[in-house]
N, C-alpha and C. Protein backbone atom coordinates (compact mmCIF):
# COMPACT_ATOMS: atom_id res chain seq x y z
N MET A 1 0.55 -1.07 0.22
CA MET A 1 0.35 0.17 -0.38
C MET A 1 0.87 0.92 -0.26
N LEU A 2 1.74 1.03 0.88
CA LEU A 2 2.84 2.37 0.65
C LEU A 2 3.59 2.29 -0.11
N ARG A 3 4.19 1.47 -0.80
CA ARG A 3 4.52 1.61 -2.41
C ARG A 3 3.71 2.32 -3.65
N ALA A 4 2.26 2.05 -3.30
CA ALA A 4 1.58 2.20 -4.30
C ALA A 4 1.51 4.03 -4.52
N LEU A 5 1.49 4.44 -2.66
CA LEU A 5 0.92 5.47 -2.71
C LEU A 5 2.13 6.32 -2.99
N CYS A 6 3.93 5.57 -2.81
CA CYS A 6 5.09 6.40 -3.28
C CYS A 6 5.00 6.28 -4.33
N ILE A 7 4.85 5.12 -5.36
CA ILE A 7 4.75 5.71 -7.02
C ILE A 7 3.59 6.81 -7.51
N THR A 8 2.47 6.71 -7.09
CA THR A 8 1.66 7.62 -7.51
C THR A 8 2.18 9.17 -6.71
N TRP A 9 1.99 9.73 -5.79
CA TRP A 9 2.66 10.25 -5.50
C TRP A 9 4.64 11.04 -6.54
N PHE A 10 5.19 10.03 -6.50
CA PHE A 10 6.13 10.25 -8.02
C PHE A 10 5.64 10.64 -8.68
N MET A 11 4.82 10.21 -9.80
CA MET A 11 4.07 10.10 -11.06
C MET A 11 3.62 11.60 -10.72
N LEU A 12 2.53 11.97 -9.95
CA LEU A 12 2.32 13.46 -9.91
C LEU A 12 3.40 14.22 -9.71
N VAL A 13 4.12 14.26 -8.32
CA VAL A 13 5.14 15.14 -9.26
C VAL A 13 5.97 15.20 -10.10
N SER A 14 6.03 14.51 -11.01
CA SER A 14 6.85 14.30 -11.63
C SER A 14 6.32 14.58 -13.12
N LEU A 15 4.77 14.49 -13.37
CA LEU A 15 4.10 15.11 -14.20
C LEU A 15 3.33 16.73 -13.58
N GLU A 16 4.16 16.95 -12.61
CA GLU A 16 3.73 18.77 -11.94
C GLU A 16 4.92 19.63 -13.05
N SER A 17 5.73 19.01 -13.09
CA SER A 17 7.38 20.06 -13.25
C SER A 17 6.94 20.36 -14.83
N MET A 18 5.83 20.32 -15.47
CA MET A 18 5.73 20.69 -16.76
C MET A 18 4.36 22.15 -16.71
N ALA A 19 4.52 22.89 -16.98
CA ALA A 19 2.87 24.31 -16.97
C ALA A 19 2.69 24.39 -17.63
N ILE A 20 1.30 23.59 -18.22
CA ILE A 20 1.00 24.52 -19.26
C ILE A 20 0.11 25.32 -19.17
N VAL A 21 0.30 26.58 -19.97
CA VAL A 21 -0.58 27.63 -20.16
C VAL A 21 -1.02 28.27 -20.81
N ASN A 22 -1.99 28.57 -21.14
CA ASN A 22 -2.83 28.95 -22.73
C ASN A 22 -2.43 28.02 -24.19
N GLY A 23 -2.66 26.74 -23.51
CA GLY A 23 -2.16 25.91 -24.54
C GLY A 23 -0.55 25.30 -24.80
N HIS A 24 0.32 26.32 -24.14
CA HIS A 24 1.38 25.98 -24.38
C HIS A 24 2.20 25.33 -23.49
N GLU A 25 3.40 24.84 -23.52
CA GLU A 25 4.41 23.72 -22.36
C GLU A 25 5.58 24.53 -22.04
N TYR A 26 5.87 24.59 -20.77
CA TYR A 26 6.51 25.41 -20.27
C TYR A 26 7.03 24.13 -19.26
N PRO A 27 8.57 23.74 -20.21
CA PRO A 27 8.97 22.41 -19.04
C PRO A 27 9.70 23.34 -18.17
N PHE A 28 10.36 22.65 -17.01
CA PHE A 28 11.30 22.73 -15.77
C PHE A 28 11.58 21.73 -15.89
N LYS A 29 12.92 21.40 -16.16
CA LYS A 29 14.10 20.05 -15.98
C LYS A 29 15.46 20.42 -15.64
N ASP A 30 15.27 21.81 -15.32
CA ASP A 30 17.43 21.93 -14.79
C ASP A 30 17.13 21.55 -13.63
N GLY A 31 16.54 20.78 -12.22
CA GLY A 31 16.45 21.24 -10.95
C GLY A 31 16.04 19.92 -10.44
N THR A 32 15.62 19.69 -9.05
CA THR A 32 15.37 18.39 -8.78
C THR A 32 13.72 18.62 -8.49
N GLU A 33 13.11 17.20 -9.05
CA GLU A 33 11.43 17.24 -8.84
C GLU A 33 10.57 17.97 -8.37
N ILE A 34 11.07 18.32 -6.78
CA ILE A 34 10.28 19.60 -6.05
C ILE A 34 10.90 20.66 -6.39
N GLU A 35 12.39 20.82 -6.63
CA GLU A 35 11.94 22.83 -7.52
C GLU A 35 11.28 22.73 -8.06
N ASN A 36 11.92 21.64 -9.67
CA ASN A 36 10.58 22.10 -10.82
C ASN A 36 9.70 21.92 -10.42
N THR A 37 9.00 20.95 -9.36
CA THR A 37 7.39 20.96 -9.14
C THR A 37 6.95 23.10 -8.68
N THR A 38 7.85 23.47 -7.90
CA THR A 38 8.04 24.59 -6.95
C THR A 38 7.43 25.71 -7.95
N ARG A 39 9.06 25.46 -8.85
CA ARG A 39 9.09 26.53 -10.14
C ARG A 39 8.04 26.58 -11.16
N ALA A 40 7.02 25.10 -11.62
CA ALA A 40 5.99 25.42 -11.80
C ALA A 40 5.19 25.77 -11.67
N GLN A 41 4.27 25.75 -10.72
CA GLN A 41 3.54 25.95 -9.84
C GLN A 41 3.99 27.42 -9.61
N LEU A 42 4.92 28.17 -9.06
CA LEU A 42 4.80 29.83 -9.63
C LEU A 42 4.52 30.26 -10.59
N PHE A 43 4.98 29.20 -11.62
CA PHE A 43 4.86 30.05 -12.77
C PHE A 43 3.15 29.67 -13.22
N ARG A 44 2.51 29.24 -13.09
CA ARG A 44 1.25 29.15 -13.43
C ARG A 44 0.36 29.98 -11.79
N GLU A 45 0.71 30.47 -11.47
CA GLU A 45 0.43 31.64 -10.41
C GLU A 45 0.60 32.60 -10.37
N LEU A 46 1.96 33.17 -10.64
CA LEU A 46 2.03 34.10 -11.40
C LEU A 46 1.24 34.59 -13.00
N ALA A 47 0.89 33.26 -13.81
CA ALA A 47 0.71 33.77 -14.59
C ALA A 47 -0.87 33.86 -14.91
N GLU A 48 -1.53 33.75 -13.91
CA GLU A 48 -3.08 34.30 -13.10
C GLU A 48 -2.59 35.31 -12.57
N GLU A 49 -1.93 35.55 -11.93
CA GLU A 49 -2.13 36.48 -10.91
C GLU A 49 -1.90 37.87 -11.72
N LEU A 50 -0.48 38.01 -13.10
CA LEU A 50 -0.96 38.84 -13.68
C LEU A 50 -1.46 39.35 -14.56
N ARG A 51 -1.68 40.33 -14.95
CA ARG A 51 -2.51 41.17 -16.38
C ARG A 51 -1.88 41.19 -16.87
N CYS A 52 -2.49 41.08 -18.56
CA CYS A 52 -2.14 41.02 -20.09
C CYS A 52 -2.27 43.30 -20.15
N PRO A 53 -0.89 43.75 -20.07
CA PRO A 53 -1.76 44.96 -20.68
C PRO A 53 -2.33 45.49 -21.72
N LYS A 54 -2.35 44.71 -22.79
CA LYS A 54 -3.17 45.12 -23.55
C LYS A 54 -4.91 44.76 -23.57
N CYS A 55 -5.01 43.91 -22.56
CA CYS A 55 -6.59 43.67 -22.72
C CYS A 55 -7.37 43.91 -21.34
N GLN A 56 -8.26 44.38 -21.54
CA GLN A 56 -9.11 44.84 -20.13
C GLN A 56 -9.05 44.11 -18.82
N ASN A 57 -9.53 42.58 -18.92
CA ASN A 57 -9.79 41.38 -17.80
C ASN A 57 -9.56 40.02 -18.31
N GLN A 58 -7.55 39.91 -18.63
CA GLN A 58 -8.06 39.20 -18.83
C GLN A 58 -6.46 38.73 -18.44
N ASN A 59 -5.78 37.52 -17.83
CA ASN A 59 -4.79 37.33 -16.98
C ASN A 59 -4.05 37.15 -18.15
N LEU A 60 -2.20 36.53 -17.84
CA LEU A 60 -1.46 36.41 -19.14
C LEU A 60 -1.66 34.29 -19.52
N SER A 61 -2.64 33.82 -18.25
CA SER A 61 -2.03 32.87 -18.98
C SER A 61 -3.63 32.70 -19.60
N ASP A 62 -4.53 33.90 -19.48
CA ASP A 62 -5.58 33.56 -20.71
C ASP A 62 -5.57 34.14 -22.33
N SER A 63 -5.10 35.33 -22.36
CA SER A 63 -4.48 35.94 -23.03
C SER A 63 -3.83 35.15 -24.70
N ASN A 64 -4.76 36.06 -25.94
CA ASN A 64 -3.58 35.39 -26.75
C ASN A 64 -3.40 36.42 -27.27
N ALA A 65 -2.63 37.89 -26.59
CA ALA A 65 -2.52 38.79 -27.28
C ALA A 65 -0.87 38.19 -27.40
N MET A 66 -0.10 39.01 -28.37
CA MET A 66 1.41 38.60 -28.49
C MET A 66 1.73 39.72 -26.66
N ILE A 67 1.53 40.45 -27.07
CA ILE A 67 2.31 41.04 -25.11
C ILE A 67 2.53 39.64 -24.35
N ALA A 68 1.26 39.20 -23.85
CA ALA A 68 0.94 38.89 -23.37
C ALA A 68 1.67 36.89 -23.36
N SER A 69 2.22 36.75 -25.04
CA SER A 69 3.57 36.01 -24.65
C SER A 69 4.33 35.78 -24.74
N ASP A 70 4.82 37.53 -25.39
CA ASP A 70 5.92 38.28 -24.61
C ASP A 70 6.41 37.83 -23.20
N LEU A 71 4.93 38.21 -21.72
CA LEU A 71 5.56 38.49 -21.47
C LEU A 71 5.42 37.20 -19.81
N ARG A 72 4.76 36.01 -21.03
CA ARG A 72 4.59 34.43 -20.78
C ARG A 72 6.44 34.05 -20.90
N ARG A 73 6.78 34.04 -22.19
CA ARG A 73 7.95 33.80 -21.90
C ARG A 73 9.55 34.80 -21.38
N GLU A 74 8.86 35.83 -20.76
CA GLU A 74 9.36 36.97 -19.55
C GLU A 74 9.73 36.46 -18.35
N LEU A 75 8.92 35.67 -18.26
CA LEU A 75 8.14 35.26 -16.40
C LEU A 75 8.88 34.05 -16.80
N TYR A 76 8.44 33.06 -17.78
CA TYR A 76 9.18 31.98 -18.08
C TYR A 76 10.42 31.69 -17.30
N LYS A 77 11.75 32.61 -17.98
CA LYS A 77 12.58 32.98 -18.14
C LYS A 77 12.96 33.21 -16.74
N GLN A 78 12.75 34.06 -16.13
CA GLN A 78 12.74 34.59 -15.01
C GLN A 78 12.51 33.59 -13.44
N VAL A 79 11.55 32.52 -13.99
CA VAL A 79 11.30 31.74 -13.13
C VAL A 79 12.42 30.14 -12.89
N LYS A 80 12.68 30.11 -14.21
CA LYS A 80 13.22 29.50 -14.80
C LYS A 80 14.88 29.71 -13.97
N ALA A 81 15.25 30.56 -13.85
CA ALA A 81 16.48 31.13 -13.78
C ALA A 81 16.69 31.39 -12.07
N GLY A 82 15.07 30.94 -11.03
CA GLY A 82 14.86 30.53 -9.84
C GLY A 82 14.60 31.84 -8.90
N LYS A 83 14.53 33.03 -9.48
CA LYS A 83 13.72 34.61 -8.92
C LYS A 83 12.50 33.87 -8.17
N ASP A 84 12.45 35.03 -6.47
CA ASP A 84 11.07 34.50 -6.50
C ASP A 84 10.53 35.44 -7.35
N GLY A 85 8.95 35.28 -6.89
CA GLY A 85 7.99 35.53 -7.49
C GLY A 85 7.95 37.46 -7.45
N GLN A 86 8.16 37.25 -6.05
CA GLN A 86 8.38 38.83 -5.71
C GLN A 86 9.09 39.96 -6.68
N SER A 87 10.26 39.12 -6.72
CA SER A 87 11.28 40.19 -7.82
C SER A 87 10.61 39.73 -8.88
N ILE A 88 10.19 38.62 -9.44
CA ILE A 88 9.36 38.89 -10.40
C ILE A 88 8.38 39.97 -10.87
N VAL A 89 7.40 40.14 -10.01
CA VAL A 89 6.19 40.83 -9.88
C VAL A 89 6.81 42.53 -10.21
N GLU A 90 7.79 42.64 -8.82
CA GLU A 90 8.21 43.80 -9.11
C GLU A 90 8.72 44.17 -10.32
N PHE A 91 9.48 43.04 -11.36
CA PHE A 91 9.64 43.61 -12.13
C PHE A 91 9.20 43.75 -13.53
N MET A 92 8.03 43.21 -13.29
CA MET A 92 7.00 43.55 -14.10
C MET A 92 5.85 45.09 -14.37
N VAL A 93 6.44 45.56 -12.68
CA VAL A 93 5.35 46.71 -12.03
C VAL A 93 6.43 47.66 -13.11
N ASN A 94 7.39 47.42 -12.91
CA ASN A 94 7.99 48.22 -13.14
C ASN A 94 8.55 48.26 -14.24
N ARG A 95 8.30 47.53 -15.46
CA ARG A 95 8.50 47.76 -16.90
C ARG A 95 7.22 47.70 -17.40
N TYR A 96 6.19 47.59 -16.38
CA TYR A 96 4.07 47.67 -17.18
C TYR A 96 3.53 48.61 -16.75
N GLY A 97 3.86 48.73 -15.29
CA GLY A 97 2.98 49.83 -14.60
C GLY A 97 2.05 48.87 -13.75
N GLU A 98 1.53 49.75 -12.62
CA GLU A 98 0.73 48.66 -11.48
C GLU A 98 -0.65 48.54 -12.64
N PHE A 99 -0.70 48.76 -13.92
CA PHE A 99 -2.00 47.75 -14.27
C PHE A 99 -1.81 45.96 -14.37
N VAL A 100 -0.38 45.80 -14.56
CA VAL A 100 -0.16 44.47 -14.64
C VAL A 100 -0.84 43.25 -13.65
N LEU A 101 -1.25 44.37 -12.34
CA LEU A 101 -1.25 43.18 -11.35
C LEU A 101 -3.04 43.67 -10.89
N TYR A 102 -3.40 42.43 -10.67
CA TYR A 102 -5.18 41.83 -10.56
C TYR A 102 -5.28 42.95 -9.20
N LYS A 103 -4.24 43.07 -8.18
CA LYS A 103 -4.36 43.62 -7.12
C LYS A 103 -3.75 44.27 -6.83
N PRO A 104 -3.67 45.74 -6.97
CA PRO A 104 -2.74 46.37 -6.73
C PRO A 104 -2.81 47.08 -5.31
N LYS A 105 -1.48 47.52 -5.57
CA LYS A 105 -0.60 47.63 -3.93
C LYS A 105 -1.18 48.65 -3.76
N MET A 106 -1.43 49.37 -2.42
CA MET A 106 -2.03 50.78 -1.96
C MET A 106 -1.27 51.50 -1.91
N ASN A 107 -1.68 52.78 -2.18
CA ASN A 107 -0.77 53.78 -2.15
C ASN A 107 -1.20 54.46 -2.57
N ARG A 108 -1.02 56.69 -2.90
CA ARG A 108 -1.78 57.54 -2.78
C ARG A 108 -2.41 57.49 -4.44
N MET A 109 -1.57 56.59 -5.80
CA MET A 109 -2.24 56.68 -6.84
C MET A 109 -3.20 55.78 -6.62
N THR A 110 -3.29 54.92 -5.63
CA THR A 110 -4.71 54.18 -6.35
C THR A 110 -5.40 53.77 -4.67
N LEU A 111 -5.55 55.04 -4.39
CA LEU A 111 -6.14 55.42 -3.00
C LEU A 111 -8.05 55.03 -3.27
N VAL A 112 -7.81 55.84 -4.93
CA VAL A 112 -9.85 55.78 -4.99
C VAL A 112 -9.91 54.40 -5.64
N LEU A 113 -9.04 53.61 -5.98
CA LEU A 113 -9.15 52.18 -6.70
C LEU A 113 -10.21 51.31 -4.91
N TRP A 114 -9.77 51.48 -3.92
CA TRP A 114 -9.32 50.89 -2.53
C TRP A 114 -10.91 51.32 -1.94
N PHE A 115 -10.69 52.70 -1.77
CA PHE A 115 -11.82 53.36 -1.01
C PHE A 115 -13.17 53.95 -1.70
N GLY A 116 -12.99 54.28 -3.22
CA GLY A 116 -13.51 55.06 -3.76
C GLY A 116 -15.01 54.17 -3.62
N PRO A 117 -15.15 52.70 -4.02
CA PRO A 117 -16.51 51.90 -3.65
C PRO A 117 -17.29 52.08 -2.40
N VAL A 118 -16.24 52.13 -1.53
CA VAL A 118 -16.86 52.08 -0.07
C VAL A 118 -17.40 53.80 0.41
N GLY A 119 -17.01 54.58 0.11
CA GLY A 119 -17.51 56.05 -0.65
C GLY A 119 -18.70 56.55 -1.18
N LEU A 120 -18.88 55.78 -2.34
CA LEU A 120 -19.64 55.91 -3.02
C LEU A 120 -20.71 55.39 -2.46
N ALA A 121 -20.93 54.08 -1.49
CA ALA A 121 -21.80 53.47 -0.41
C ALA A 121 -22.23 54.42 0.43
N LEU A 122 -21.81 55.21 1.10
CA LEU A 122 -21.53 55.57 2.35
C LEU A 122 -22.80 56.89 1.34
N LEU A 123 -22.26 58.11 0.31
CA LEU A 123 -23.04 58.36 -0.40
C LEU A 123 -24.08 58.13 -0.36
N ALA A 124 -24.57 57.10 -0.90
CA ALA A 124 -25.19 56.31 -1.51
C ALA A 124 -26.76 56.79 -0.57
N ILE A 125 -26.22 55.79 0.65
CA ILE A 125 -27.15 55.56 2.51
C ILE A 125 -26.68 57.10 2.52
N MET A 126 -26.16 58.18 2.65
CA MET A 126 -26.68 59.56 3.28
C MET A 126 -27.72 60.11 2.54
N ILE A 127 -27.62 59.72 0.93
CA ILE A 127 -28.65 60.57 0.16
C ILE A 127 -29.75 59.58 0.36
N PHE A 128 -29.97 58.55 0.34
CA PHE A 128 -31.33 57.53 0.26
C PHE A 128 -32.12 58.25 2.13
N VAL A 129 -30.95 58.06 3.19
CA VAL A 129 -31.55 58.73 4.71
C VAL A 129 -32.12 60.47 4.20
N VAL A 130 -31.64 61.31 3.92
CA VAL A 130 -32.56 62.49 3.89
C VAL A 130 -33.60 62.38 2.84
N VAL A 131 -33.41 61.82 1.63
CA VAL A 131 -34.65 61.71 1.14
C VAL A 131 -35.69 60.98 1.82
N VAL A 132 -35.58 59.92 2.36
CA VAL A 132 -36.51 59.38 2.99
C VAL A 132 -36.75 60.20 4.66
N ARG A 133 -36.12 60.75 5.27
CA ARG A 133 -36.89 61.94 5.87
C ARG A 133 -37.40 63.11 4.96
N SER A 134 -37.25 63.66 4.35
CA SER A 134 -37.66 64.67 3.34
C SER A 134 -39.48 64.45 3.71
N ARG A 135 -39.31 62.88 2.78
CA ARG A 135 -40.90 62.91 2.48
C ARG A 135 -41.67 62.38 3.69
N ARG A 136 -40.95 62.01 4.45
CA ARG A 136 -41.77 61.71 5.79
C ARG A 136 -41.86 63.00 6.49
N LYS A 137 -41.27 64.31 6.43
CA LYS A 137 -41.18 65.47 6.97
C LYS A 137 -42.73 66.44 6.06
N ARG A 138 -42.68 66.01 4.75
CA ARG A 138 -43.76 66.63 3.84
C ARG A 138 -44.91 65.78 4.10
N ILE A 139 -44.82 64.65 3.87
CA ILE A 139 -46.29 63.77 4.64
C ILE A 139 -47.02 64.21 5.71
N GLN A 140 -45.91 64.41 7.30
CA GLN A 140 -46.71 64.90 8.20
C GLN A 140 -46.88 66.73 7.91
N ASP A 141 -46.17 66.99 7.07
CA ASP A 141 -47.12 68.68 7.69
C ASP A 141 -48.48 68.47 6.42
N ASN A 142 -48.34 67.94 5.59
CA ASN A 142 -49.74 67.52 4.79
C ASN A 142 -50.66 66.88 5.70
N VAL A 143 -50.45 66.35 6.67
CA VAL A 143 -51.24 65.54 7.42
C VAL A 143 -52.11 66.85 8.34
N LYS A 144 -51.11 67.34 8.77
CA LYS A 144 -51.10 68.28 9.55
C LYS A 144 -51.77 69.39 9.14
N ASP A 145 -51.94 70.27 7.86
CA ASP A 145 -52.26 71.08 6.82
C ASP A 145 -54.28 70.71 6.65
N ASP A 146 -54.32 69.04 6.61
CA ASP A 146 -55.48 68.99 6.33
C ASP A 146 -56.18 68.19 7.16
N ALA A 147 -55.78 68.33 8.26
CA ALA A 147 -56.17 67.85 9.61
C ALA A 147 -57.62 68.61 9.85
N LEU A 148 -58.64 67.87 10.20
CA LEU A 148 -60.16 67.97 10.40
C LEU A 148 -60.65 69.12 11.43
N ASP A 149 -60.92 70.19 11.51
CA ASP A 149 -61.52 71.22 12.76
C ASP A 149 -62.50 70.14 14.10
N PRO A 150 -62.88 70.65 14.68
CA PRO A 150 -63.78 69.70 15.24
C PRO A 150 -65.52 69.41 14.88
N GLN A 151 -65.47 70.03 14.82
CA GLN A 151 -67.23 70.73 14.04
C GLN A 151 -67.00 70.00 13.35
N GLU A 152 -65.68 69.66 11.64
CA GLU A 152 -65.68 68.71 10.49
C GLU A 152 -66.31 67.34 11.62
N ALA A 153 -64.89 66.94 12.44
CA ALA A 153 -65.22 65.62 12.99
C ALA A 153 -66.58 65.19 12.92
N GLN A 154 -67.19 65.66 14.10
CA GLN A 154 -68.57 65.78 14.61
C GLN A 154 -69.24 65.25 13.48
N ARG A 155 -69.78 66.40 12.97
CA ARG A 155 -70.57 65.41 11.47
C ARG A 155 -70.17 64.52 10.89
N ILE A 156 -69.06 63.85 10.13
CA ILE A 156 -68.99 63.33 10.11
C ILE A 156 -68.85 61.89 11.11
N GLN A 157 -68.85 62.00 11.50
CA GLN A 157 -69.02 60.95 13.25
C GLN A 157 -70.49 60.35 13.00
N GLN A 158 -72.19 61.89 12.85
CA GLN A 158 -72.97 61.97 13.00
C GLN A 158 -73.21 61.11 11.55
N LEU A 159 -72.51 61.17 10.81
CA LEU A 159 -73.19 60.50 9.56
C LEU A 159 -72.80 58.92 9.89
N LEU A 160 -71.09 58.49 9.80
CA LEU A 160 -71.26 57.49 10.19
C LEU A 160 -72.52 56.70 11.26
N ASN A 161 -72.32 57.07 12.15
CA ASN A 161 -73.71 56.37 13.34
C ASN A 161 -74.71 56.21 12.06
N ASN A 162 -75.62 57.61 12.02
CA ASN A 162 -77.19 57.53 11.09
C ASN A 162 -76.61 56.43 9.98
N THR A 163 -75.34 55.99 9.06
CA THR A 163 -75.18 54.69 8.05
C THR A 163 -75.56 53.73 8.63
N SER A 164 -74.63 53.53 9.43
CA SER A 164 -74.29 51.73 10.64
C SER A 164 -75.83 51.75 11.90
N GLU A 165 -77.12 52.93 11.13
CA GLU A 165 -78.20 52.71 12.11
C GLU A 165 -79.44 52.19 10.32
N GLU A 166 -79.22 53.12 9.95
CA GLU A 166 -79.42 52.50 8.76
C GLU A 166 -79.74 50.96 8.78
N LYS A 167 -78.68 50.43 8.84
CA LYS A 167 -78.35 49.44 8.12
C LYS A 167 -78.94 48.04 9.11
N LYS A 168 -79.40 48.34 10.36
CA LYS A 168 -79.87 47.27 11.39
C LYS A 168 -80.96 47.52 11.16
C-alpha cells in the first residue's frame, strides 16, 4: 500500500514539472523534482496573477495577445532562473506599471481604487436617508394642514352613526 502511494506521488510530482498555460508547455527540468514542481507552480500562479497590458480583463494565462505571449516567455525565463515571485512581480510592475496587477498595492495613486466604492456606498446611504426624512416631513406637514376642525369631525361621526343605524 505504501509502495503504491509512493509511486503515485512520484508520478504526480513528475507530471507537475510541466506548466501548461494557454495551450503552451513550459517545461521545468533543470533542478530536482521538488524544485521543478515548485517553479512550475510559481509560473502558473504568476501567469494567473498578472494581467495582460493589452487586454482589459484577462490574465497572462488566458490572453492570446502577442504582448501576453512575450510576458509569458519573460516570466518563464525568470522563474527558470530561480527568481522569487516578489522580484518577478516588481520587475513586471517597473516595466509595465501597476496595470499588470489584478490586486494593485495600496498607495496614494490607488486610494480611489481601494476606497472609492466604500465612499460611493456611504454617499448613496446618506442620500437615501435625506430623501426618506424629507418625504416623512412632507407627509407629516400635509397631514397637519389637512387636519379636520372639531365641527367637521363631529359631522362625519354623525353621518357614520346614521349610516350604521340605517343598516340595522
